[in-house]
Amino acid sequence: MTDSDIIRLFFDRDEQAIAETAEKYGRYCMTIARDILDSEQDAEECISDVYLKVWNSIPPDEPASLKAYIAVLTRRLAINRYHESRARRRNRELEVAFEELFFAQNVTTALMVGAARGAAIIAAAEYTENL
């Protein structure tokens, strides 16, 4: 199937467009995502996000080159996922360092910080249930 045919499927809101895109460019996108991301699971999730992004952006976009369009989206989403993953890892490392510091200095302070974190998680869960 040609790129024009696939783009037409997207414009017709035919779900076959995703299947045809995956068939034609799935391995290509996966190669791009794997080169950027640390794990196979992250790469697979990134590709799913790419298909959703393509579905939501065509129409109104009508790319001249579907391959280039999908490659750019894959690269952008993979880089974003990479930066998010790195930030989460850094935050976890800082949390552990602060907990170790607090615990070493004052057991009571460490317990209070842990209790406050637990209370914040419970409050957030209750808040989202009420939305």
Protein backbone atom coordinates (compact mmCIF):
# COMPACT_ATOMS: atom_id res chain seq x y z
CA MET A 1 0.00 0.00 0.00
CA THR A 2 1.35 3.44 -0.89
CA ASP A 3 1.80 6.28 1.57
CA SER A 4 -0.97 8.20 -0.19
CA ASP A 5 -3.34 5.27 0.35
CA ILE A 6 -2.42 5.09 4.04
CA ILE A 7 -2.90 8.84 4.47
CA ARG A 8 -6.29 8.53 2.78
CA LEU A 9 -7.23 5.85 5.34
CA PHE A 10 -6.29 8.27 8.12
CA PHE A 11 -8.44 10.96 6.54
CA ASP A 12 -11.31 8.47 6.29
CA ARG A 13 -10.74 7.64 10.01
CA ASP A 14 -10.32 3.99 9.04
CA GLU A 15 -8.53 2.04 11.78
CA GLN A 16 -6.85 -0.02 9.06
CA ALA A 17 -4.56 3.01 8.66
CA ILE A 18 -2.78 2.08 11.91
CA ALA A 19 -2.35 -1.54 10.81
CA GLU A 20 -0.98 -0.48 7.43
CA THR A 21 1.36 2.04 9.04
CA ALA A 22 2.63 -0.59 11.47
CA GLU A 23 3.09 -3.07 8.63
CA LYS A 24 5.04 -0.64 6.47
CA TYR A 25 7.00 1.40 9.06
CA GLY A 26 6.80 -0.51 12.36
CA ARG A 27 10.33 -1.95 12.24
CA TYR A 28 11.73 1.38 11.08
CA CYS A 29 10.10 3.22 13.99
CA MET A 30 11.18 0.55 16.46
CA THR A 31 14.79 0.93 15.32
CA ILE A 32 14.63 4.68 15.93
CA ALA A 33 13.04 4.23 19.37
CA ARG A 34 15.47 1.49 20.44
CA ASP A 35 18.45 3.64 19.50
CA ILE A 36 17.25 6.34 21.92
CA LEU A 37 15.57 4.44 24.76
CA ASP A 38 17.07 2.10 27.33
CA SER A 39 14.48 -0.66 27.30
CA GLU A 40 12.46 -2.67 24.83
CA GLN A 41 9.29 -1.95 26.81
CA ASP A 42 9.88 1.82 26.60
CA ALA A 43 10.45 1.52 22.86
CA GLU A 44 7.21 -0.45 22.38
CA GLU A 45 5.23 2.08 24.43
CA CYS A 46 6.81 4.88 22.43
CA ILE A 47 5.69 3.27 19.16
CA SER A 48 2.14 2.96 20.51
CA ASP A 49 2.27 6.66 21.36
CA VAL A 50 3.49 7.39 17.83
CA TYR A 51 0.52 5.60 16.28
CA LEU A 52 -1.87 7.52 18.54
CA LYS A 53 -0.16 10.80 17.68
CA VAL A 54 -0.36 10.05 13.96
CA TRP A 55 -4.04 9.11 14.32
CA ASN A 56 -4.77 12.39 16.11
CA SER A 57 -2.75 14.58 13.76
CA ILE A 58 -3.82 13.22 10.34
CA PRO A 59 -6.11 15.01 9.57
CA PRO A 60 -5.61 18.00 9.61
CA ASP A 61 -1.95 17.40 8.73
CA GLU A 62 -1.30 15.84 5.33
CA PRO A 63 2.38 14.94 5.27
CA ALA A 64 4.24 14.93 1.97
CA SER A 65 6.32 11.99 3.20
CA LEU A 66 4.64 9.63 5.67
CA LYS A 67 7.95 7.95 6.44
CA ALA A 68 9.64 11.22 7.37
CA TYR A 69 6.58 12.37 9.33
CA ILE A 70 6.50 9.18 11.39
CA ALA A 71 10.28 9.20 11.86
CA VAL A 72 10.19 12.74 13.28
CA LEU A 73 7.31 11.87 15.62
CA THR A 74 9.07 8.70 16.77
CA ARG A 75 12.30 10.55 17.45
CA ARG A 76 10.57 13.37 19.34
CA LEU A 77 8.47 11.05 21.49
CA ALA A 78 11.44 8.77 22.22
CA ILE A 79 13.61 11.72 23.25
CA ASN A 80 10.82 13.05 25.49
CA ARG A 81 10.39 9.61 27.08
CA TYR A 82 14.16 9.35 27.56
CA HIS A 83 14.33 12.72 29.36
CA GLU A 84 11.33 11.84 31.55
CA SER A 85 12.92 8.53 32.48
CA ARG A 86 16.22 10.18 33.36
CA ALA A 87 14.46 12.82 35.47
CA ARG A 88 12.52 10.15 37.39
CA ARG A 89 15.74 8.25 38.05
CA ARG A 90 17.49 11.40 39.28
CA ASN A 91 14.56 12.23 41.57
CA ARG A 92 14.56 8.70 43.02
CA GLU A 93 18.30 8.92 43.66
CA LEU A 94 17.85 12.27 45.42
CA GLU A 95 14.97 10.90 47.50
CA VAL A 96 17.10 8.01 48.70
CA ALA A 97 20.01 10.34 49.46
CA PHE A 98 17.79 12.70 51.47
CA GLU A 99 16.17 9.82 53.33
CA GLU A 100 19.58 8.42 54.22
CA LEU A 101 20.71 11.87 55.36
CA PHE A 102 17.59 12.41 57.47
CA PHE A 103 17.74 8.94 58.94
CA ALA A 104 21.41 9.29 59.80
CA GLN A 105 20.74 12.63 61.50
CA ASN A 106 17.43 12.02 63.16
CA VAL A 107 15.21 8.95 63.11
CA THR A 108 12.17 11.05 64.10
CA THR A 109 12.66 13.41 61.14
CA ALA A 110 12.97 10.46 58.75
CA LEU A 111 9.74 8.94 60.05
CA MET A 112 7.93 12.29 59.74
CA VAL A 113 9.09 12.71 56.13
CA GLY A 114 7.87 9.20 55.31
CA ALA A 115 4.51 9.86 56.98
CA ALA A 116 4.12 13.16 55.12
CA ARG A 117 4.84 11.46 51.80
CA GLY A 118 2.25 8.78 52.59
CA ALA A 119 -0.33 11.42 53.55
CA ALA A 120 0.31 13.30 50.30
CA ILE A 121 -0.18 10.12 48.25
CA ILE A 122 -3.46 9.34 50.04
CA ALA A 123 -4.70 12.92 49.58
CA ALA A 124 -3.86 12.83 45.86
CA ALA A 125 -5.66 9.51 45.44
CA GLU A 126 -8.76 10.84 47.21
CA TYR A 127 -8.67 14.02 45.14
CA THR A 128 -8.55 12.14 41.85
CA GLU A 129 -11.41 9.88 42.92
CA ASN A 130 -13.57 12.97 43.48
CA LEU A 131 -12.94 14.41 40.00
